[in-house]
C-alpha atoms as a PDB file:
ATOM      1  CA  MET A   1     161.000  -4.564  56.642  1.00  0.00           C
ATOM      2  CA  GLU A   2     158.495  -4.376  53.484  1.00  0.00           C
ATOM      3  CA  SER A   3     160.005  -5.411  49.859  1.00  0.00           C
ATOM      4  CA  PHE A   4     157.534  -5.169  46.373  1.00  0.00           C
ATOM      5  CA  VAL A   5     154.197  -4.546  47.144  1.00  0.00           C
ATOM      6  CA  THR A   6     152.226  -7.811  46.730  1.00  0.00           C
ATOM      7  CA  VAL A   7     148.504  -7.102  46.318  1.00  0.00           C
ATOM      8  CA  PRO A   8     147.595  -3.255  45.233  1.00  0.00           C
ATOM      9  CA  PRO A   9     146.379  -1.680  48.164  1.00  0.00           C
ATOM     10  CA  GLU A  10     143.126   0.863  47.737  1.00  0.00           C
ATOM     11  CA  ARG A  11     142.706   3.838  45.504  1.00  0.00           C
ATOM     12  CA  GLU A  12     143.245   7.031  46.920  1.00  0.00           C
ATOM     13  CA  ALA A  13     140.262   9.068  45.894  1.00  0.00           C
ATOM     14  CA  SER A  14     142.585  12.814  46.032  1.00  0.00           C
ATOM     15  CA  SER A  15     145.787  11.740  44.368  1.00  0.00           C
ATOM     16  CA  HIS A  16     144.860  14.823  41.932  1.00  0.00           C
ATOM     17  CA  GLU A  17     142.649  17.390  44.424  1.00  0.00           C
ATOM     18  CA  GLY A  18     143.694  20.683  44.946  1.00  0.00           C
ATOM     19  CA  LYS A  19     146.324  23.331  42.761  1.00  0.00           C
ATOM     20  CA  THR A  20     149.556  21.403  43.722  1.00  0.00           C
ATOM     21  CA  GLN A  21     151.435  19.729  41.369  1.00  0.00           C
ATOM     22  CA  ILE A  22     153.396  16.167  42.770  1.00  0.00           C
ATOM     23  CA  PHE A  23     155.825  14.921  41.221  1.00  0.00           C
ATOM     24  CA  SER A  24     157.843  11.093  41.809  1.00  0.00           C
ATOM     25  CA  PHE A  25     161.048  10.583  40.618  1.00  0.00           C
ATOM     26  CA  LEU A  26     161.445   6.232  40.793  1.00  0.00           C
ATOM     27  CA  PRO A  27     164.876   4.028  39.379  1.00  0.00           C
ATOM     28  CA  SER A  28     164.478   1.652  37.766  1.00  0.00           C
ATOM     29  CA  LYS A  29     167.282   0.862  40.027  1.00  0.00           C
ATOM     30  CA  PRO A  30     169.859   2.250  42.396  1.00  0.00           C
ATOM     31  CA  GLY A  31     173.029   4.245  40.483  1.00  0.00           C
ATOM     32  CA  VAL A  32     170.807   5.029  37.381  1.00  0.00           C
ATOM     33  CA  GLY A  33     171.070   9.358  38.783  1.00  0.00           C
ATOM     34  CA  THR A  34     167.584   9.692  39.827  1.00  0.00           C
ATOM     35  CA  SER A  35     168.443  11.760  43.352  1.00  0.00           C
ATOM     36  CA  THR A  36     170.804  14.256  40.947  1.00  0.00           C
ATOM     37  CA  ILE A  37     167.826  14.098  38.995  1.00  0.00           C
ATOM     38  CA  ALA A  38     165.094  14.862  41.345  1.00  0.00           C
ATOM     39  CA  LEU A  39     167.655  17.911  42.531  1.00  0.00           C
ATOM     40  CA  ASN A  40     167.865  19.397  39.807  1.00  0.00           C
ATOM     41  CA  ILE A  41     164.142  19.425  38.115  1.00  0.00           C
ATOM     42  CA  SER A  42     163.770  20.284  41.509  1.00  0.00           C
ATOM     43  CA  VAL A  43     165.612  23.607  41.554  1.00  0.00           C
ATOM     44  CA  ALA A  44     164.574  24.277  38.034  1.00  0.00           C
ATOM     45  CA  LEU A  45     160.900  24.013  38.834  1.00  0.00           C
ATOM     46  CA  ALA A  46     161.386  26.944  41.703  1.00  0.00           C
ATOM     47  CA  ARG A  47     163.399  28.979  38.773  1.00  0.00           C
ATOM     48  CA  ARG A  48     160.768  28.767  35.981  1.00  0.00           C
ATOM     49  CA  LEU A  49     157.646  28.739  38.943  1.00  0.00           C
ATOM     50  CA  ASN A  50     159.488  31.695  40.964  1.00  0.00           C
ATOM     51  CA  ALA A  51     158.479  30.213  44.440  1.00  0.00           C
ATOM     52  CA  ARG A  52     158.953  27.855  46.608  1.00  0.00           C
ATOM     53  CA  VAL A  53     159.529  23.709  46.050  1.00  0.00           C
ATOM     54  CA  LEU A  54     159.821  21.119  48.323  1.00  0.00           C
ATOM     55  CA  LEU A  55     161.810  18.272  47.328  1.00  0.00           C
ATOM     56  CA  SER A  56     161.495  15.381  49.960  1.00  0.00           C
ATOM     57  CA  ASP A  57     164.228  12.094  49.852  1.00  0.00           C
ATOM     58  CA  PHE A  58     161.670   8.805  50.251  1.00  0.00           C
ATOM     59  CA  ASP A  59     164.458   6.428  50.260  1.00  0.00           C
ATOM     60  CA  LEU A  60     165.103   5.297  53.430  1.00  0.00           C
ATOM     61  CA  ASN A  61     167.742   2.303  52.759  1.00  0.00           C
ATOM     62  CA  CYS A  62     169.951   4.395  50.545  1.00  0.00           C
ATOM     63  CA  GLY A  63     168.727   8.182  50.504  1.00  0.00           C
ATOM     64  CA  MET A  64     171.182  10.781  49.316  1.00  0.00           C
ATOM     65  CA  LEU A  65     170.014  13.851  49.344  1.00  0.00           C
ATOM     66  CA  ARG A  66     171.603  14.814  53.110  1.00  0.00           C
ATOM     67  CA  PHE A  67     174.955  13.766  51.704  1.00  0.00           C
ATOM     68  CA  MET A  68     174.566  15.827  47.974  1.00  0.00           C
ATOM     69  CA  LEU A  69     174.314  19.196  50.006  1.00  0.00           C
ATOM     70  CA  ASN A  70     175.638  18.280  53.200  1.00  0.00           C
ATOM     71  CA  LEU A  71     172.427  19.463  55.455  1.00  0.00           C
ATOM     72  CA  GLN A  72     173.053  19.584  58.786  1.00  0.00           C
ATOM     73  CA  ASN A  73     169.575  19.743  60.486  1.00  0.00           C
ATOM     74  CA  GLU A  74     169.317  16.730  61.708  1.00  0.00           C
ATOM     75  CA  HIS A  75     165.918  16.521  61.121  1.00  0.00           C
ATOM     76  CA  SER A  76     164.328  13.859  58.458  1.00  0.00           C
ATOM     77  CA  VAL A  77     161.543  12.990  56.860  1.00  0.00           C
ATOM     78  CA  ILE A  78     160.946   9.815  59.668  1.00  0.00           C
ATOM     79  CA  ASP A  79     160.068  12.769  61.832  1.00  0.00           C
ATOM     80  CA  ALA A  80     157.746  14.389  59.847  1.00  0.00           C
ATOM     81  CA  VAL A  81     155.876  10.976  59.020  1.00  0.00           C
ATOM     82  CA  SER A  82     155.794  10.596  62.763  1.00  0.00           C
ATOM     83  CA  HIS A  83     153.450  13.820  63.382  1.00  0.00           C
ATOM     84  CA  ALA A  84     152.059  13.929  59.989  1.00  0.00           C
ATOM     85  CA  LEU A  85     148.936  13.274  62.572  1.00  0.00           C
ATOM     86  CA  HIS A  86     149.600  16.399  64.860  1.00  0.00           C
ATOM     87  CA  MET A  87     151.840  18.647  61.943  1.00  0.00           C
ATOM     88  CA  ASP A  88     151.861  22.045  62.818  1.00  0.00           C
ATOM     89  CA  GLU A  89     153.725  25.257  60.949  1.00  0.00           C
ATOM     90  CA  SER A  90     155.543  25.223  64.241  1.00  0.00           C
ATOM     91  CA  HIS A  91     156.844  21.929  63.855  1.00  0.00           C
ATOM     92  CA  TRP A  92     157.270  21.460  60.669  1.00  0.00           C
ATOM     93  CA  SER A  93     160.262  24.869  60.168  1.00  0.00           C
ATOM     94  CA  ARG A  94     162.305  22.566  62.529  1.00  0.00           C
ATOM     95  CA  LEU A  95     162.061  19.493  59.754  1.00  0.00           C
ATOM     96  CA  ILE A  96     163.061  21.584  56.551  1.00  0.00           C
ATOM     97  CA  SER A  97     166.323  22.993  55.879  1.00  0.00           C
ATOM     98  CA  SER A  98     166.221  26.018  52.785  1.00  0.00           C
ATOM     99  CA  ARG A  99     168.510  26.607  50.201  1.00  0.00           C
ATOM    100  CA  ASP A 100     167.430  28.976  48.179  1.00  0.00           C
ATOM    101  CA  GLU A 101     163.587  28.240  47.061  1.00  0.00           C
ATOM    102  CA  LEU A 102     164.199  25.323  47.493  1.00  0.00           C
ATOM    103  CA  ASP A 103     162.930  23.157  51.220  1.00  0.00           C
ATOM    104  CA  LEU A 104     164.449  20.327  51.408  1.00  0.00           C
ATOM    105  CA  LEU A 105     163.610  17.243  54.317  1.00  0.00           C
ATOM    106  CA  HIS A 106     165.825  14.282  53.951  1.00  0.00           C
ATOM    107  CA  ALA A 107     165.879  11.105  54.345  1.00  0.00           C
ATOM    108  CA  GLY A 108     167.920  10.648  57.558  1.00  0.00           C
ATOM    109  CA  ASN A 109     169.987   7.791  58.699  1.00  0.00           C
ATOM    110  CA  ILE A 110     169.610   4.667  56.678  1.00  0.00           C
ATOM    111  CA  ASN A 111     166.024   2.812  58.658  1.00  0.00           C
ATOM    112  CA  PRO A 112     164.681   0.137  56.258  1.00  0.00           C
ATOM    113  CA  TYR A 113     162.612  -1.226  59.159  1.00  0.00           C
ATOM    114  CA  MET A 114     160.447   1.890  58.981  1.00  0.00           C
ATOM    115  CA  ARG A 115     156.639   1.208  58.533  1.00  0.00           C
ATOM    116  CA  ILE A 116     154.960   4.456  57.187  1.00  0.00           C
ATOM    117  CA  GLU A 117     151.266   4.221  57.630  1.00  0.00           C
ATOM    118  CA  GLY A 118     148.838   4.764  54.407  1.00  0.00           C
ATOM    119  CA  SER A 119     147.035   6.943  56.925  1.00  0.00           C
ATOM    120  CA  HIS A 120     150.114   9.161  57.538  1.00  0.00           C
ATOM    121  CA  ILE A 121     151.049   9.703  53.935  1.00  0.00           C
ATOM    122  CA  ARG A 122     148.093  11.243  53.138  1.00  0.00           C
ATOM    123  CA  ASN A 123     147.608  13.464  56.383  1.00  0.00           C
ATOM    124  CA  LEU A 124     151.460  14.969  56.018  1.00  0.00           C
ATOM    125  CA  VAL A 125     151.176  15.647  51.943  1.00  0.00           C
ATOM    126  CA  ALA A 126     147.470  16.946  52.330  1.00  0.00           C
ATOM    127  CA  PHE A 127     149.802  19.130  54.926  1.00  0.00           C
ATOM    128  CA  MET A 128     152.142  19.846  52.417  1.00  0.00           C
ATOM    129  CA  ARG A 129     149.994  20.312  49.312  1.00  0.00           C
ATOM    130  CA  ARG A 130     148.544  23.485  51.565  1.00  0.00           C
ATOM    131  CA  LYS A 131     152.169  25.139  51.740  1.00  0.00           C
ATOM    132  CA  TYR A 132     153.372  24.085  48.147  1.00  0.00           C
ATOM    133  CA  GLN A 133     152.266  24.673  44.844  1.00  0.00           C
ATOM    134  CA  THR A 134     155.205  21.993  43.685  1.00  0.00           C
ATOM    135  CA  LEU A 135     156.335  18.673  45.867  1.00  0.00           C
ATOM    136  CA  CYS A 136     158.964  16.185  44.218  1.00  0.00           C
ATOM    137  CA  PHE A 137     158.940  13.169  46.312  1.00  0.00           C
ATOM    138  CA  ASP A 138     162.615  11.226  45.414  1.00  0.00           C
ATOM    139  CA  LEU A 139     161.722   7.173  45.628  1.00  0.00           C
ATOM    140  CA  SER A 140     163.815   3.763  46.157  1.00  0.00           C
ATOM    141  CA  GLY A 141     162.464   2.267  43.806  1.00  0.00           C
ATOM    142  CA  ASN A 142     161.801  -0.545  45.771  1.00  0.00           C
ATOM    143  CA  LEU A 143     158.209  -0.252  45.658  1.00  0.00           C
ATOM    144  CA  GLU A 144     157.397   0.278  48.807  1.00  0.00           C
ATOM    145  CA  ARG A 145     153.499   0.548  49.821  1.00  0.00           C
ATOM    146  CA  TYR A 146     154.041   4.052  51.189  1.00  0.00           C
ATOM    147  CA  SER A 147     155.720   4.707  48.121  1.00  0.00           C
ATOM    148  CA  VAL A 148     153.191   3.720  46.111  1.00  0.00           C
ATOM    149  CA  ALA A 149     150.982   5.798  47.856  1.00  0.00           C
ATOM    150  CA  LEU A 150     153.263   8.804  46.905  1.00  0.00           C
ATOM    151  CA  MET A 151     153.089   7.028  43.475  1.00  0.00           C
ATOM    152  CA  GLU A 152     148.829   7.585  43.706  1.00  0.00           C
ATOM    153  CA  GLN A 153     148.472  10.743  44.950  1.00  0.00           C
ATOM    154  CA  SER A 154     151.656  12.157  41.424  1.00  0.00           C
ATOM    155  CA  ASN A 155     150.468  13.582  38.921  1.00  0.00           C
ATOM    156  CA  ARG A 156     153.764  12.722  37.333  1.00  0.00           C
ATOM    157  CA  VAL A 157     155.707   9.578  38.181  1.00  0.00           C
ATOM    158  CA  LEU A 158     159.483  10.085  36.385  1.00  0.00           C
ATOM    159  CA  LEU A 159     161.085   6.845  36.127  1.00  0.00           C
ATOM    160  CA  VAL A 160     164.496   7.092  35.400  1.00  0.00           C
ATOM    161  CA  CYS A 161     167.007   4.845  33.785  1.00  0.00           C
ATOM    162  CA  THR A 162     170.175   4.667  31.363  1.00  0.00           C
ATOM    163  CA  PRO A 163     170.536   2.564  28.231  1.00  0.00           C
ATOM    164  CA  GLU A 164     171.723  -0.041  30.168  1.00  0.00           C
ATOM    165  CA  ILE A 165     169.887  -3.433  29.940  1.00  0.00           C
ATOM    166  CA  PRO A 166     169.683  -4.055  33.926  1.00  0.00           C
ATOM    167  CA  SER A 167     167.787  -1.001  33.828  1.00  0.00           C
ATOM    168  CA  LEU A 168     165.653  -1.378  31.117  1.00  0.00           C
ATOM    169  CA  HIS A 169     165.152  -4.858  32.155  1.00  0.00           C
ATOM    170  CA  LEU A 170     163.736  -3.232  36.135  1.00  0.00           C
ATOM    171  CA  ALA A 171     162.339  -0.504  33.896  1.00  0.00           C
ATOM    172  CA  ARG A 172     159.406  -2.812  32.082  1.00  0.00           C
ATOM    173  CA  GLN A 173     159.152  -4.528  35.315  1.00  0.00           C
ATOM    174  CA  LYS A 174     158.203  -1.723  37.017  1.00  0.00           C
ATOM    175  CA  ILE A 175     155.966  -0.203  34.481  1.00  0.00           C
ATOM    176  CA  ASN A 176     154.324  -3.550  33.993  1.00  0.00           C
ATOM    177  CA  PHE A 177     153.681  -4.140  38.163  1.00  0.00           C
ATOM    178  CA  LEU A 178     152.295   0.040  37.376  1.00  0.00           C
ATOM    179  CA  ARG A 179     150.250  -1.262  35.093  1.00  0.00           C
ATOM    180  CA  THR A 180     148.726  -3.658  37.764  1.00  0.00           C
ATOM    181  CA  LEU A 181     147.555  -0.396  39.414  1.00  0.00           C
ATOM    182  CA  ASN A 182     146.273   1.590  36.844  1.00  0.00           C
ATOM    183  CA  LEU A 183     148.745   4.007  37.441  1.00  0.00           C
ATOM    184  CA  GLU A 184     150.812   3.876  34.025  1.00  0.00           C
ATOM    185  CA  ASP A 185     149.017   6.561  32.570  1.00  0.00           C
ATOM    186  CA  ARG A 186     151.263   9.100  35.402  1.00  0.00           C
ATOM    187  CA  VAL A 187     154.762   7.361  33.867  1.00  0.00           C
ATOM    188  CA  LEU A 188     157.161   9.644  31.421  1.00  0.00           C
ATOM    189  CA  VAL A 189     160.130   7.966  30.869  1.00  0.00           C
ATOM    190  CA  VAL A 190     163.294   9.851  31.319  1.00  0.00           C
ATOM    191  CA  LEU A 191     166.215   8.542  30.078  1.00  0.00           C
ATOM    192  CA  ASN A 192     169.944   9.319  31.698  1.00  0.00           C
ATOM    193  CA  ARG A 193     173.925   9.020  31.059  1.00  0.00           C
ATOM    194  CA  SER A 194     172.565   9.130  27.268  1.00  0.00           C
ATOM    195  CA  HIS A 195     175.771   9.603  24.942  1.00  0.00           C
ATOM    196  CA  LYS A 196     176.188   9.145  21.216  1.00  0.00           C
ATOM    197  CA  LYS A 197     178.133   5.463  21.845  1.00  0.00           C
ATOM    198  CA  SER A 198     175.430   4.270  24.267  1.00  0.00           C
ATOM    199  CA  VAL A 199     174.518   0.227  23.185  1.00  0.00           C
ATOM    200  CA  LEU A 200     170.739   0.886  22.854  1.00  0.00           C
ATOM    201  CA  SER A 201     169.230   3.525  21.241  1.00  0.00           C
ATOM    202  CA  LYS A 202     166.771   6.124  22.478  1.00  0.00           C
ATOM    203  CA  ALA A 203     164.420   4.241  19.894  1.00  0.00           C
ATOM    204  CA  ARG A 204     165.265   0.954  20.157  1.00  0.00           C
ATOM    205  CA  VAL A 205     164.926   1.501  24.565  1.00  0.00           C
ATOM    206  CA  GLU A 206     161.232   2.658  23.138  1.00  0.00           C
ATOM    207  CA  GLU A 207     160.409   0.269  22.039  1.00  0.00           C
ATOM    208  CA  VAL A 208     161.428  -2.189  25.259  1.00  0.00           C
ATOM    209  CA  LEU A 209     159.959  -0.133  27.272  1.00  0.00           C
ATOM    210  CA  GLY A 210     156.521   0.950  24.879  1.00  0.00           C
ATOM    211  CA  LEU A 211     156.442   4.235  26.310  1.00  0.00           C
ATOM    212  CA  PRO A 212     158.275   7.665  24.653  1.00  0.00           C
ATOM    213  CA  VAL A 213     161.412   8.429  26.501  1.00  0.00           C
ATOM    214  CA  LEU A 214     160.162  12.597  27.155  1.00  0.00           C
ATOM    215  CA  LYS A 215     163.792  13.362  27.860  1.00  0.00           C
ATOM    216  CA  THR A 216     167.455  11.744  27.433  1.00  0.00           C
ATOM    217  CA  PHE A 217     170.012  13.586  30.310  1.00  0.00           C
ATOM    218  CA  ALA A 218     173.571  13.398  28.719  1.00  0.00           C
ATOM    219  CA  ASN A 219     176.673  11.809  30.355  1.00  0.00           C
ATOM    220  CA  ASP A 220     178.067  14.822  32.701  1.00  0.00           C
ATOM    221  CA  TYR A 221     180.149  12.752  35.423  1.00  0.00           C
ATOM    222  CA  ASN A 222     182.348  16.007  35.701  1.00  0.00           C
ATOM    223  CA  GLY A 223     180.011  18.213  36.056  1.00  0.00           C
ATOM    224  CA  VAL A 224     177.695  15.910  38.749  1.00  0.00           C
ATOM    225  CA  ASP A 225     181.248  16.287  40.526  1.00  0.00           C
ATOM    226  CA  ARG A 226     181.756  19.678  40.564  1.00  0.00           C
ATOM    227  CA  ALA A 227     178.711  19.477  41.786  1.00  0.00           C
ATOM    228  CA  LEU A 228     178.602  17.170  44.575  1.00  0.00           C
ATOM    229  CA  THR A 229     182.241  18.651  46.132  1.00  0.00           C
ATOM    230  CA  ALA A 230     180.209  21.750  45.915  1.00  0.00           C
ATOM    231  CA  ALA A 231     177.632  20.576  48.007  1.00  0.00           C
ATOM    232  CA  SER A 232     175.539  22.216  45.440  1.00  0.00           C
ATOM    233  CA  TRP A 233     173.352  21.707  42.161  1.00  0.00           C
ATOM    234  CA  ILE A 234     174.493  21.616  38.423  1.00  0.00           C
ATOM    235  CA  ALA A 235     175.195  24.862  37.461  1.00  0.00           C
ATOM    236  CA  PRO A 236     172.022  26.825  35.783  1.00  0.00           C
ATOM    237  CA  GLY A 237     174.422  27.845  33.634  1.00  0.00           C
ATOM    238  CA  SER A 238     176.254  24.224  31.647  1.00  0.00           C
ATOM    239  CA  ALA A 239     174.642  22.719  29.159  1.00  0.00           C
ATOM    240  CA  LEU A 240     173.134  19.723  30.811  1.00  0.00           C
ATOM    241  CA  GLY A 241     171.875  22.261  33.289  1.00  0.00           C
ATOM    242  CA  LYS A 242     170.103  23.864  30.674  1.00  0.00           C
ATOM    243  CA  SER A 243     169.190  20.656  29.937  1.00  0.00           C
ATOM    244  CA  PHE A 244     167.486  20.406  32.844  1.00  0.00           C
ATOM    245  CA  ALA A 245     165.556  23.586  32.185  1.00  0.00           C
ATOM    246  CA  GLU A 246     164.184  22.790  29.047  1.00  0.00           C
ATOM    247  CA  PHE A 247     162.780  19.902  30.583  1.00  0.00           C
ATOM    248  CA  VAL A 248     160.832  22.085  33.190  1.00  0.00           C
ATOM    249  CA  GLU A 249     159.246  24.169  30.572  1.00  0.00           C
ATOM    250  CA  VAL A 250     157.661  20.029  28.407  1.00  0.00           C
ATOM    251  CA  LEU A 251     156.592  18.496  32.405  1.00  0.00           C
ATOM    252  CA  LEU A 252     154.934  21.628  33.060  1.00  0.00           C
ATOM    253  CA  ASN A 253     153.182  21.587  29.825  1.00  0.00           C
ATOM    254  CA  TRP A 254     152.759  17.299  29.169  1.00  0.00           C
ATOM    255  CA  PRO A 255     149.343  17.131  28.927  1.00  0.00           C
ATOM    256  CA  GLU A 256     147.406  15.151  31.587  1.00  0.00           C
ATOM    257  CA  GLY A 257     145.785  11.864  30.494  1.00  0.00           C
ATOM    258  CA  THR A 258     147.035   8.554  28.662  1.00  0.00           C
ATOM    259  CA  PRO A 259     150.602   9.630  26.565  1.00  0.00           C
ATOM    260  CA  ASP A 260     149.612   9.149  23.060  1.00  0.00           C
ATOM    261  CA  HIS A 261     151.826   6.258  23.196  1.00  0.00           C
ATOM    262  CA  ALA A 262     151.393   4.083  19.741  1.00  0.00           C
ATOM    263  CA  ALA A 263     152.688   7.841  18.257  1.00  0.00           C
ATOM    264  CA  GLN A 264     155.721   7.455  19.633  1.00  0.00           C
ATOM    265  CA  ALA A 265     156.645   3.863  20.271  1.00  0.00           C
ATOM    266  CA  PRO A 266     156.568   0.843  18.776  1.00  0.00           C
ATOM    267  CA  GLU A 267     152.797  -1.117  20.825  1.00  0.00           C
ATOM    268  CA  ALA A 268     152.632  -4.095  17.974  1.00  0.00           C
ATOM    269  CA  VAL A 269     154.132  -6.498  20.827  1.00  0.00           C
ATOM    270  CA  PRO A 270     152.880  -6.215  24.757  1.00  0.00           C
ATOM    271  CA  ALA A 271     156.473  -4.647  26.451  1.00  0.00           C
ATOM    272  CA  SER A 272     156.830  -8.166  28.745  1.00  0.00           C
ATOM    273  CA  ALA A 273     157.170  -9.635  25.203  1.00  0.00           C
ATOM    274  CA  ARG A 274     159.994  -7.525  23.759  1.00  0.00           C
ATOM    275  CA  PRO A 275     163.682  -9.048  24.050  1.00  0.00           C
ATOM    276  CA  LEU A 276     165.993  -6.402  25.535  1.00  0.00           C
ATOM    277  CA  VAL A 277     168.783  -7.282  22.712  1.00  0.00           C
ATOM    278  CA  SER A 278     167.921  -8.243  19.250  1.00  0.00           C
ATOM    279  CA  SER A 279     170.304  -9.440  16.367  1.00  0.00           C
ATOM    280  CA  SER A 280     169.439  -6.803  14.603  1.00  0.00           C
ATOM    281  CA  GLN A 281     170.809  -3.860  17.483  1.00  0.00           C
END
């Protein structure tokens, strides 16, 4: 079973080739709402672009997409990986589930011992690129080698955290790790479940992480529960649904290259040296 990668793998040359936009969703820790955000951003992207979007659940330990949408297809991302070297249109059509303009590839049954080779990821993503203009990958957060390979293929890595000390501690650790792979410039921070009484403000989160918070999503447990009960996504007309649509506009227009962190978040002290809690907080 793979855990954290300790040796940086070789970089892939094709990370930004072609017109396909690829977004990976990386949780700071389990339970921060990454799958909910990945699903609803994928839906909002499909609506905004008026084109089919593929959302793939690569969390082989705790994949939630199948449960969230009550998907009945027995095929999973494991089957897609297994056939990656010889994938064709006929087989692909049996693997995916479709809802409106969204195509879905769920994680299947828990399979923490599954080993995915880099060559399989490259071939699978190459096939996906030929079929879709937008790909979304819901990752486990465990930084498996295949997750790193997917992030290397991505235009953006959306790091999802909550305004809580354990979440920010692990978010900072992951930023530091991605920096060693030269992937930090692709990281965009999303702050989920924020509310007025949060102990840590958005400004404080930015100071701790050393990166700007691109978007803050409000805490809406009732809306999420209604969506789960209906095996669907957040209602587009709700406040949270509109927030997802607004975020997509920002995401699609966010410039490539290293963001101007210095203008948006304090950089005087390295992120790893910043205390999570201060006497002034």
